[in-house]
């Protein structure tokens, strides 16, 4: 059971990093700090979107359309935090109750 909880916790942390990286990269592209004509930037942005779109698309279908702002990554982060807290609580960790 501990192995399963550790694996899910590691996956949640990995998803956090991917979501934050995709968010920062999208801001850099929007504000023209980096250009999508750069192959590295374009490849990285497409790879991150390929990883996150299967998870974010169902959330986007539920959320109302807000125009330019996409709240689905924030909803996913909150959901992942809840899952992480529930698992830590189930494992008996004192940090799960915080």
C-alpha atoms as a PDB file:
ATOM      1  CA  UNK A   1       0.000   0.000   0.000  1.00  0.00           C
ATOM      2  CA  UNK A   2       2.857   2.349   0.818  1.00  0.00           C
ATOM      3  CA  UNK A   3       4.374   1.737  -2.602  1.00  0.00           C
ATOM      4  CA  UNK A   4       1.099   2.637  -4.312  1.00  0.00           C
ATOM      5  CA  UNK A   5       0.763   5.836  -2.292  1.00  0.00           C
ATOM      6  CA  UNK A   6       4.370   6.769  -3.059  1.00  0.00           C
ATOM      7  CA  UNK A   7       3.816   6.116  -6.759  1.00  0.00           C
ATOM      8  CA  UNK A   8       0.670   8.263  -6.867  1.00  0.00           C
ATOM      9  CA  UNK A   9       2.433  11.002  -4.884  1.00  0.00           C
ATOM     10  CA  UNK A  10       5.345  10.955  -7.339  1.00  0.00           C
ATOM     11  CA  UNK A  11       2.926  11.132 -10.276  1.00  0.00           C
ATOM     12  CA  UNK A  12       1.101  14.090  -8.722  1.00  0.00           C
ATOM     13  CA  UNK A  13       4.382  15.936  -8.166  1.00  0.00           C
ATOM     14  CA  UNK A  14       5.438  15.215 -11.762  1.00  0.00           C
ATOM     15  CA  UNK A  15       2.119  16.579 -13.049  1.00  0.00           C
ATOM     16  CA  UNK A  16       2.579  19.722 -10.937  1.00  0.00           C
ATOM     17  CA  UNK A  17       5.922  20.347 -12.614  1.00  0.00           C
ATOM     18  CA  UNK A  18       4.489  19.754 -16.097  1.00  0.00           C
ATOM     19  CA  UNK A  19       1.506  22.054 -15.470  1.00  0.00           C
ATOM     20  CA  UNK A  20       3.639  24.891 -14.087  1.00  0.00           C
ATOM     21  CA  UNK A  21       6.168  24.530 -16.921  1.00  0.00           C
ATOM     22  CA  UNK A  22       3.407  24.617 -19.540  1.00  0.00           C
ATOM     23  CA  UNK A  23       1.856  27.680 -17.876  1.00  0.00           C
ATOM     24  CA  UNK A  24       5.141  29.598 -17.753  1.00  0.00           C
ATOM     25  CA  UNK A  25       6.020  28.653 -21.331  1.00  0.00           C
ATOM     26  CA  UNK A  26       2.598  29.745 -22.577  1.00  0.00           C
ATOM     27  CA  UNK A  27       3.005  33.109 -20.821  1.00  0.00           C
ATOM     28  CA  UNK A  28       6.440  33.564 -22.391  1.00  0.00           C
ATOM     29  CA  UNK A  29       4.944  32.840 -25.817  1.00  0.00           C
ATOM     30  CA  UNK A  30       1.949  35.144 -25.307  1.00  0.00           C
ATOM     31  CA  UNK A  31       4.142  38.071 -24.215  1.00  0.00           C
ATOM     32  CA  UNK A  32       6.612  37.459 -27.080  1.00  0.00           C
ATOM     33  CA  UNK A  33       9.545  36.713 -24.801  1.00  0.00           C
ATOM     34  CA  UNK A  34      10.167  33.536 -26.783  1.00  0.00           C
ATOM     35  CA  UNK A  35       8.975  32.727 -30.272  1.00  0.00           C
ATOM     36  CA  UNK A  36       7.183  29.595 -31.411  1.00  0.00           C
ATOM     37  CA  UNK A  37       9.235  29.746 -34.602  1.00  0.00           C
ATOM     38  CA  UNK A  38      12.124  28.461 -32.454  1.00  0.00           C
ATOM     39  CA  UNK A  39      12.131  24.670 -32.907  1.00  0.00           C
ATOM     40  CA  UNK A  40      13.034  23.929 -29.290  1.00  0.00           C
ATOM     41  CA  UNK A  41      10.276  26.156 -27.888  1.00  0.00           C
ATOM     42  CA  UNK A  42       7.743  24.821 -30.376  1.00  0.00           C
ATOM     43  CA  UNK A  43       8.682  21.208 -29.672  1.00  0.00           C
ATOM     44  CA  UNK A  44       8.594  21.678 -25.921  1.00  0.00           C
ATOM     45  CA  UNK A  45       5.239  23.488 -26.034  1.00  0.00           C
ATOM     46  CA  UNK A  46       3.716  20.812 -28.274  1.00  0.00           C
ATOM     47  CA  UNK A  47       5.082  18.008 -26.069  1.00  0.00           C
ATOM     48  CA  UNK A  48       3.670  19.591 -22.913  1.00  0.00           C
ATOM     49  CA  UNK A  49       0.301  20.146 -24.563  1.00  0.00           C
ATOM     50  CA  UNK A  50       0.294  16.553 -25.822  1.00  0.00           C
ATOM     51  CA  UNK A  51       0.844  15.324 -22.266  1.00  0.00           C
ATOM     52  CA  UNK A  52      -1.697  17.627 -20.626  1.00  0.00           C
ATOM     53  CA  UNK A  53      -4.523  17.851 -23.184  1.00  0.00           C
ATOM     54  CA  UNK A  54      -6.012  14.391 -22.432  1.00  0.00           C
ATOM     55  CA  UNK A  55      -6.263  15.414 -18.766  1.00  0.00           C
ATOM     56  CA  UNK A  56      -7.337  19.035 -19.284  1.00  0.00           C
ATOM     57  CA  UNK A  57      -9.892  18.581 -22.100  1.00  0.00           C
ATOM     58  CA  UNK A  58     -12.571  16.941 -19.901  1.00  0.00           C
ATOM     59  CA  UNK A  59     -12.128  19.766 -17.376  1.00  0.00           C
ATOM     60  CA  UNK A  60     -12.411  22.366 -20.174  1.00  0.00           C
ATOM     61  CA  UNK A  61     -15.714  20.815 -21.272  1.00  0.00           C
ATOM     62  CA  UNK A  62     -17.157  21.247 -17.769  1.00  0.00           C
ATOM     63  CA  UNK A  63     -15.900  24.785 -17.123  1.00  0.00           C
ATOM     64  CA  UNK A  64     -17.664  27.751 -18.709  1.00  0.00           C
ATOM     65  CA  UNK A  65     -15.886  29.573 -21.538  1.00  0.00           C
ATOM     66  CA  UNK A  66     -13.947  32.502 -20.068  1.00  0.00           C
ATOM     67  CA  UNK A  67     -12.371  33.768 -23.267  1.00  0.00           C
ATOM     68  CA  UNK A  68      -8.606  34.081 -23.209  1.00  0.00           C
ATOM     69  CA  UNK A  69      -8.112  32.731 -19.681  1.00  0.00           C
ATOM     70  CA  UNK A  70      -7.957  28.957 -19.239  1.00  0.00           C
ATOM     71  CA  UNK A  71      -8.761  27.912 -15.673  1.00  0.00           C
ATOM     72  CA  UNK A  72      -8.501  24.168 -16.319  1.00  0.00           C
ATOM     73  CA  UNK A  73      -4.845  23.887 -15.137  1.00  0.00           C
ATOM     74  CA  UNK A  74      -5.796  25.556 -11.858  1.00  0.00           C
ATOM     75  CA  UNK A  75      -8.735  23.168 -11.395  1.00  0.00           C
ATOM     76  CA  UNK A  76      -6.430  20.226 -12.137  1.00  0.00           C
ATOM     77  CA  UNK A  77      -3.883  21.453  -9.595  1.00  0.00           C
ATOM     78  CA  UNK A  78      -6.584  21.766  -6.918  1.00  0.00           C
ATOM     79  CA  UNK A  79      -7.893  18.274  -7.751  1.00  0.00           C
ATOM     80  CA  UNK A  80      -4.372  16.838  -7.568  1.00  0.00           C
ATOM     81  CA  UNK A  81      -3.797  18.559  -4.223  1.00  0.00           C
ATOM     82  CA  UNK A  82      -7.002  17.007  -2.872  1.00  0.00           C
ATOM     83  CA  UNK A  83      -5.972  13.552  -4.094  1.00  0.00           C
ATOM     84  CA  UNK A  84      -2.537  13.986  -2.556  1.00  0.00           C
ATOM     85  CA  UNK A  85      -3.980  15.088   0.805  1.00  0.00           C
ATOM     86  CA  UNK A  86      -6.485  12.227   0.891  1.00  0.00           C
ATOM     87  CA  UNK A  87      -3.745   9.689   0.165  1.00  0.00           C
ATOM     88  CA  UNK A  88      -1.447  11.150   2.806  1.00  0.00           C
ATOM     89  CA  UNK A  89      -4.291  11.089   5.313  1.00  0.00           C
ATOM     90  CA  UNK A  90      -5.116   7.482   4.392  1.00  0.00           C
ATOM     91  CA  UNK A  91      -1.479   6.541   4.859  1.00  0.00           C
ATOM     92  CA  UNK A  92      -1.521   7.991   8.367  1.00  0.00           C
ATOM     93  CA  UNK A  93       0.824  10.864   7.612  1.00  0.00           C
ATOM     94  CA  UNK A  94       0.417  13.873   9.908  1.00  0.00           C
ATOM     95  CA  UNK A  95       0.753  16.119   6.839  1.00  0.00           C
ATOM     96  CA  UNK A  96      -2.463  14.750   5.303  1.00  0.00           C
ATOM     97  CA  UNK A  97      -4.648  16.552   7.824  1.00  0.00           C
ATOM     98  CA  UNK A  98      -3.243  20.011   7.066  1.00  0.00           C
END
